[in-house]
Amino acid sequence: MTSNTSSPQPEPSSFAWCSWHNGYSGDARLVAMIEQGSGVGAGSNLFACGPCRKANGLVPVADQ
């Protein structure tokens, strides 16, 4: 007999540098992608942890 129970899925997260408090966080999420102008060059991705997202009204890119 198999049980078909499902548990809630955790919120997506990653271990990354929080650009707001300048430290590593285990719940950082991508909140902004800054693209360079035309030509060769790399853009910047900004991550923010949960407390910084809440304090600064930041919405993760995936939720926009």
PDB file of N, CA and C in Angstrom:
ATOM      1  N   MET A   1       0.840  -1.171   0.000  1.00  0.00           N
ATOM      2  CA  MET A   1       0.000   0.000   0.000  1.00  0.00           C
ATOM      3  C   MET A   1       0.887   1.236   0.000  1.00  0.00           C
ATOM      4  N   THR A   2       0.640   2.156  -0.897  1.00  0.00           N
ATOM      5  CA  THR A   2       1.450   3.369  -0.959  1.00  0.00           C
ATOM      6  C   THR A   2       0.656   4.538  -0.420  1.00  0.00           C
ATOM      7  N   SER A   3       1.346   5.385   0.267  1.00  0.00           N
ATOM      8  CA  SER A   3       0.731   6.577   0.831  1.00  0.00           C
ATOM      9  C   SER A   3       1.033   7.756  -0.079  1.00  0.00           C
ATOM     10  N   ASN A   4       0.029   8.502  -0.417  1.00  0.00           N
ATOM     11  CA  ASN A   4       0.204   9.645  -1.298  1.00  0.00           C
ATOM     12  C   ASN A   4       0.107  10.934  -0.493  1.00  0.00           C
ATOM     13  N   THR A   5       1.084  11.144   0.375  1.00  0.00           N
ATOM     14  CA  THR A   5       1.100  12.369   1.172  1.00  0.00           C
ATOM     15  C   THR A   5       2.085  13.336   0.545  1.00  0.00           C
ATOM     16  N   SER A   6       1.726  14.572   0.529  1.00  0.00           N
ATOM     17  CA  SER A   6       2.635  15.582  -0.008  1.00  0.00           C
ATOM     18  C   SER A   6       2.935  16.600   1.077  1.00  0.00           C
ATOM     19  N   SER A   7       4.177  16.996   1.117  1.00  0.00           N
ATOM     20  CA  SER A   7       4.569  18.005   2.088  1.00  0.00           C
ATOM     21  C   SER A   7       4.771  19.326   1.355  1.00  0.00           C
ATOM     22  N   PRO A   8       4.601  20.436   2.043  1.00  0.00           N
ATOM     23  CA  PRO A   8       4.779  21.726   1.394  1.00  0.00           C
ATOM     24  C   PRO A   8       6.211  21.889   0.898  1.00  0.00           C
ATOM     25  N   GLN A   9       6.338  22.483  -0.258  1.00  0.00           N
ATOM     26  CA  GLN A   9       7.655  22.712  -0.831  1.00  0.00           C
ATOM     27  C   GLN A   9       8.277  23.953  -0.198  1.00  0.00           C
ATOM     28  N   PRO A  10       9.582  23.896   0.094  1.00  0.00           N
ATOM     29  CA  PRO A  10      10.234  25.072   0.674  1.00  0.00           C
ATOM     30  C   PRO A  10      10.364  26.185  -0.361  1.00  0.00           C
ATOM     31  N   GLU A  11      10.450  27.418   0.114  1.00  0.00           N
ATOM     32  CA  GLU A  11      10.647  28.558  -0.774  1.00  0.00           C
ATOM     33  C   GLU A  11      12.024  28.434  -1.417  1.00  0.00           C
ATOM     34  N   PRO A  12      12.151  28.731  -2.716  1.00  0.00           N
ATOM     35  CA  PRO A  12      13.458  28.648  -3.365  1.00  0.00           C
ATOM     36  C   PRO A  12      14.452  29.566  -2.665  1.00  0.00           C
ATOM     37  N   SER A  13      15.651  29.100  -2.519  1.00  0.00           N
ATOM     38  CA  SER A  13      16.670  29.915  -1.881  1.00  0.00           C
ATOM     39  C   SER A  13      18.043  29.506  -2.379  1.00  0.00           C
ATOM     40  N   SER A  14      19.016  30.304  -2.054  1.00  0.00           N
ATOM     41  CA  SER A  14      20.381  29.987  -2.425  1.00  0.00           C
ATOM     42  C   SER A  14      21.335  30.666  -1.462  1.00  0.00           C
ATOM     43  N   PHE A  15      22.519  30.109  -1.369  1.00  0.00           N
ATOM     44  CA  PHE A  15      23.563  30.695  -0.548  1.00  0.00           C
ATOM     45  C   PHE A  15      24.283  31.696  -1.442  1.00  0.00           C
ATOM     46  N   ALA A  16      24.160  32.960  -1.133  1.00  0.00           N
ATOM     47  CA  ALA A  16      24.752  33.993  -1.972  1.00  0.00           C
ATOM     48  C   ALA A  16      25.077  35.226  -1.134  1.00  0.00           C
ATOM     49  N   TRP A  17      25.742  36.155  -1.770  1.00  0.00           N
ATOM     50  CA  TRP A  17      26.126  37.412  -1.147  1.00  0.00           C
ATOM     51  C   TRP A  17      24.949  38.376  -1.187  1.00  0.00           C
ATOM     52  N   CYS A  18      24.533  38.864  -0.041  1.00  0.00           N
ATOM     53  CA  CYS A  18      23.461  39.853   0.013  1.00  0.00           C
ATOM     54  C   CYS A  18      24.078  41.220  -0.267  1.00  0.00           C
ATOM     55  N   SER A  19      23.617  41.848  -1.322  1.00  0.00           N
ATOM     56  CA  SER A  19      24.161  43.145  -1.733  1.00  0.00           C
ATOM     57  C   SER A  19      23.718  44.281  -0.827  1.00  0.00           C
ATOM     58  N   TRP A  20      22.767  44.043   0.057  1.00  0.00           N
ATOM     59  CA  TRP A  20      22.269  45.110   0.922  1.00  0.00           C
ATOM     60  C   TRP A  20      23.009  45.145   2.256  1.00  0.00           C
ATOM     61  N   HIS A  21      23.199  44.003   2.910  1.00  0.00           N
ATOM     62  CA  HIS A  21      23.923  44.046   4.182  1.00  0.00           C
ATOM     63  C   HIS A  21      25.384  43.614   4.025  1.00  0.00           C
ATOM     64  N   ASN A  22      25.786  43.325   2.783  1.00  0.00           N
ATOM     65  CA  ASN A  22      27.174  42.966   2.449  1.00  0.00           C
ATOM     66  C   ASN A  22      27.679  41.786   3.257  1.00  0.00           C
ATOM     67  N   GLY A  23      26.955  40.691   3.164  1.00  0.00           N
ATOM     68  CA  GLY A  23      27.351  39.461   3.827  1.00  0.00           C
ATOM     69  C   GLY A  23      26.658  38.272   3.178  1.00  0.00           C
ATOM     70  N   TYR A  24      27.191  37.076   3.428  1.00  0.00           N
ATOM     71  CA  TYR A  24      26.588  35.863   2.873  1.00  0.00           C
ATOM     72  C   TYR A  24      25.291  35.542   3.602  1.00  0.00           C
ATOM     73  N   SER A  25      24.385  34.914   2.862  1.00  0.00           N
ATOM     74  CA  SER A  25      23.103  34.539   3.435  1.00  0.00           C
ATOM     75  C   SER A  25      22.645  33.222   2.825  1.00  0.00           C
ATOM     76  N   GLY A  26      21.972  32.408   3.617  1.00  0.00           N
ATOM     77  CA  GLY A  26      21.448  31.138   3.136  1.00  0.00           C
ATOM     78  C   GLY A  26      20.076  31.257   2.501  1.00  0.00           C
ATOM     79  N   ASP A  27      19.471  32.442   2.552  1.00  0.00           N
ATOM     80  CA  ASP A  27      18.151  32.603   1.941  1.00  0.00           C
ATOM     81  C   ASP A  27      18.124  33.744   0.929  1.00  0.00           C
ATOM     82  N   ALA A  28      19.272  34.051   0.358  1.00  0.00           N
ATOM     83  CA  ALA A  28      19.352  35.132  -0.627  1.00  0.00           C
ATOM     84  C   ALA A  28      18.637  34.746  -1.919  1.00  0.00           C
ATOM     85  N   ARG A  29      17.972  35.722  -2.522  1.00  0.00           N
ATOM     86  CA  ARG A  29      17.290  35.518  -3.804  1.00  0.00           C
ATOM     87  C   ARG A  29      17.631  36.670  -4.735  1.00  0.00           C
ATOM     88  N   LEU A  30      17.627  36.386  -6.017  1.00  0.00           N
ATOM     89  CA  LEU A  30      17.917  37.389  -7.037  1.00  0.00           C
ATOM     90  C   LEU A  30      16.814  38.440  -7.047  1.00  0.00           C
ATOM     91  N   VAL A  31      17.199  39.723  -6.879  1.00  0.00           N
ATOM     92  CA  VAL A  31      16.201  40.791  -6.858  1.00  0.00           C
ATOM     93  C   VAL A  31      16.400  41.799  -7.988  1.00  0.00           C
ATOM     94  N   ALA A  32      17.569  41.797  -8.622  1.00  0.00           N
ATOM     95  CA  ALA A  32      17.796  42.739  -9.720  1.00  0.00           C
ATOM     96  C   ALA A  32      18.877  42.221 -10.648  1.00  0.00           C
ATOM     97  N   MET A  33      18.664  42.469 -11.941  1.00  0.00           N
ATOM     98  CA  MET A  33      19.672  42.149 -12.948  1.00  0.00           C
ATOM     99  C   MET A  33      20.005  43.461 -13.655  1.00  0.00           C
ATOM    100  N   ILE A  34      21.246  43.876 -13.544  1.00  0.00           N
ATOM    101  CA  ILE A  34      21.676  45.125 -14.157  1.00  0.00           C
ATOM    102  C   ILE A  34      22.492  44.777 -15.394  1.00  0.00           C
ATOM    103  N   GLU A  35      21.994  45.202 -16.546  1.00  0.00           N
ATOM    104  CA  GLU A  35      22.668  44.908 -17.796  1.00  0.00           C
ATOM    105  C   GLU A  35      23.520  46.099 -18.208  1.00  0.00           C
ATOM    106  N   GLN A  36      24.660  45.789 -18.807  1.00  0.00           N
ATOM    107  CA  GLN A  36      25.539  46.818 -19.340  1.00  0.00           C
ATOM    108  C   GLN A  36      24.963  47.343 -20.642  1.00  0.00           C
ATOM    109  N   GLY A  37      25.509  48.416 -21.143  1.00  0.00           N
ATOM    110  CA  GLY A  37      25.101  48.961 -22.432  1.00  0.00           C
ATOM    111  C   GLY A  37      25.530  48.039 -23.555  1.00  0.00           C
ATOM    112  N   SER A  38      25.476  48.499 -24.763  1.00  0.00           N
ATOM    113  CA  SER A  38      25.836  47.668 -25.904  1.00  0.00           C
ATOM    114  C   SER A  38      27.321  47.322 -25.872  1.00  0.00           C
ATOM    115  N   GLY A  39      27.656  46.250 -26.539  1.00  0.00           N
ATOM    116  CA  GLY A  39      29.049  45.824 -26.605  1.00  0.00           C
ATOM    117  C   GLY A  39      29.324  44.695 -25.640  1.00  0.00           C
ATOM    118  N   VAL A  40      30.572  44.311 -25.633  1.00  0.00           N
ATOM    119  CA  VAL A  40      30.989  43.205 -24.777  1.00  0.00           C
ATOM    120  C   VAL A  40      31.053  43.687 -23.338  1.00  0.00           C
ATOM    121  N   GLY A  41      30.568  42.886 -22.459  1.00  0.00           N
ATOM    122  CA  GLY A  41      30.596  43.240 -21.046  1.00  0.00           C
ATOM    123  C   GLY A  41      29.622  42.386 -20.275  1.00  0.00           C
ATOM    124  N   ALA A  42      29.867  42.282 -19.019  1.00  0.00           N
ATOM    125  CA  ALA A  42      28.996  41.470 -18.180  1.00  0.00           C
ATOM    126  C   ALA A  42      28.089  42.362 -17.356  1.00  0.00           C
ATOM    127  N   GLY A  43      26.940  41.862 -17.060  1.00  0.00           N
ATOM    128  CA  GLY A  43      26.019  42.583 -16.197  1.00  0.00           C
ATOM    129  C   GLY A  43      26.242  42.191 -14.753  1.00  0.00           C
ATOM    130  N   SER A  44      25.453  42.743 -13.885  1.00  0.00           N
ATOM    131  CA  SER A  44      25.546  42.422 -12.466  1.00  0.00           C
ATOM    132  C   SER A  44      24.213  41.878 -11.987  1.00  0.00           C
ATOM    133  N   ASN A  45      24.279  40.888 -11.149  1.00  0.00           N
ATOM    134  CA  ASN A  45      23.092  40.346 -10.507  1.00  0.00           C
ATOM    135  C   ASN A  45      23.157  40.719  -9.037  1.00  0.00           C
ATOM    136  N   LEU A  46      22.056  41.232  -8.519  1.00  0.00           N
ATOM    137  CA  LEU A  46      22.005  41.621  -7.116  1.00  0.00           C
ATOM    138  C   LEU A  46      21.083  40.670  -6.361  1.00  0.00           C
ATOM    139  N   PHE A  47      21.589  40.155  -5.250  1.00  0.00           N
ATOM    140  CA  PHE A  47      20.847  39.236  -4.402  1.00  0.00           C
ATOM    141  C   PHE A  47      20.569  39.917  -3.070  1.00  0.00           C
ATOM    142  N   ALA A  48      19.469  39.544  -2.443  1.00  0.00           N
ATOM    143  CA  ALA A  48      19.127  40.082  -1.126  1.00  0.00           C
ATOM    144  C   ALA A  48      18.580  38.957  -0.254  1.00  0.00           C
ATOM    145  N   CYS A  49      18.942  38.993   1.027  1.00  0.00           N
ATOM    146  CA  CYS A  49      18.439  38.001   1.977  1.00  0.00           C
ATOM    147  C   CYS A  49      17.022  38.370   2.404  1.00  0.00           C
ATOM    148  N   GLY A  50      16.359  37.474   3.103  1.00  0.00           N
ATOM    149  CA  GLY A  50      14.984  37.693   3.548  1.00  0.00           C
ATOM    150  C   GLY A  50      14.783  38.969   4.348  1.00  0.00           C
ATOM    151  N   PRO A  51      15.578  39.202   5.399  1.00  0.00           N
ATOM    152  CA  PRO A  51      15.391  40.423   6.180  1.00  0.00           C
ATOM    153  C   PRO A  51      15.630  41.701   5.366  1.00  0.00           C
ATOM    154  N   CYS A  52      16.599  41.676   4.472  1.00  0.00           N
ATOM    155  CA  CYS A  52      16.865  42.864   3.645  1.00  0.00           C
ATOM    156  C   CYS A  52      15.768  43.070   2.611  1.00  0.00           C
ATOM    157  N   ARG A  53      15.219  41.971   2.062  1.00  0.00           N
ATOM    158  CA  ARG A  53      14.092  42.109   1.126  1.00  0.00           C
ATOM    159  C   ARG A  53      12.907  42.757   1.824  1.00  0.00           C
ATOM    160  N   LYS A  54      12.634  42.309   3.041  1.00  0.00           N
ATOM    161  CA  LYS A  54      11.496  42.849   3.789  1.00  0.00           C
ATOM    162  C   LYS A  54      11.724  44.303   4.172  1.00  0.00           C
ATOM    163  N   ALA A  55      12.912  44.628   4.682  1.00  0.00           N
ATOM    164  CA  ALA A  55      13.217  45.978   5.133  1.00  0.00           C
ATOM    165  C   ALA A  55      13.232  46.989   3.992  1.00  0.00           C
ATOM    166  N   ASN A  56      13.587  46.545   2.783  1.00  0.00           N
ATOM    167  CA  ASN A  56      13.729  47.460   1.653  1.00  0.00           C
ATOM    168  C   ASN A  56      12.637  47.296   0.591  1.00  0.00           C
ATOM    169  N   GLY A  57      11.650  46.469   0.860  1.00  0.00           N
ATOM    170  CA  GLY A  57      10.544  46.290  -0.087  1.00  0.00           C
ATOM    171  C   GLY A  57      10.989  45.682  -1.411  1.00  0.00           C
ATOM    172  N   LEU A  58      11.942  44.748  -1.358  1.00  0.00           N
ATOM    173  CA  LEU A  58      12.465  44.136  -2.577  1.00  0.00           C
ATOM    174  C   LEU A  58      11.678  42.877  -2.934  1.00  0.00           C
ATOM    175  N   VAL A  59      11.400  42.702  -4.204  1.00  0.00           N
ATOM    176  CA  VAL A  59      10.659  41.546  -4.691  1.00  0.00           C
ATOM    177  C   VAL A  59      11.602  40.705  -5.550  1.00  0.00           C
ATOM    178  N   PRO A  60      11.735  39.409  -5.253  1.00  0.00           N
ATOM    179  CA  PRO A  60      12.597  38.559  -6.076  1.00  0.00           C
ATOM    180  C   PRO A  60      12.158  38.579  -7.547  1.00  0.00           C
ATOM    181  N   VAL A  61      13.130  38.501  -8.437  1.00  0.00           N
ATOM    182  CA  VAL A  61      12.861  38.525  -9.878  1.00  0.00           C
ATOM    183  C   VAL A  61      11.868  37.447 -10.260  1.00  0.00           C
ATOM    184  N   ALA A  62      11.983  36.271  -9.687  1.00  0.00           N
ATOM    185  CA  ALA A  62      11.091  35.160 -10.017  1.00  0.00           C
ATOM    186  C   ALA A  62       9.632  35.438  -9.636  1.00  0.00           C
ATOM    187  N   ASP A  63       9.412  36.352  -8.712  1.00  0.00           N
ATOM    188  CA  ASP A  63       8.063  36.679  -8.261  1.00  0.00           C
ATOM    189  C   ASP A  63       7.484  37.922  -8.921  1.00  0.00           C
ATOM    190  N   GLN A  64       8.238  38.550  -9.805  1.00  0.00           N
ATOM    191  CA  GLN A  64       7.768  39.781 -10.453  1.00  0.00           C
ATOM    192  C   GLN A  64       6.918  39.474 -11.659  1.00  0.00           C
TER     193      GLN A  64
END
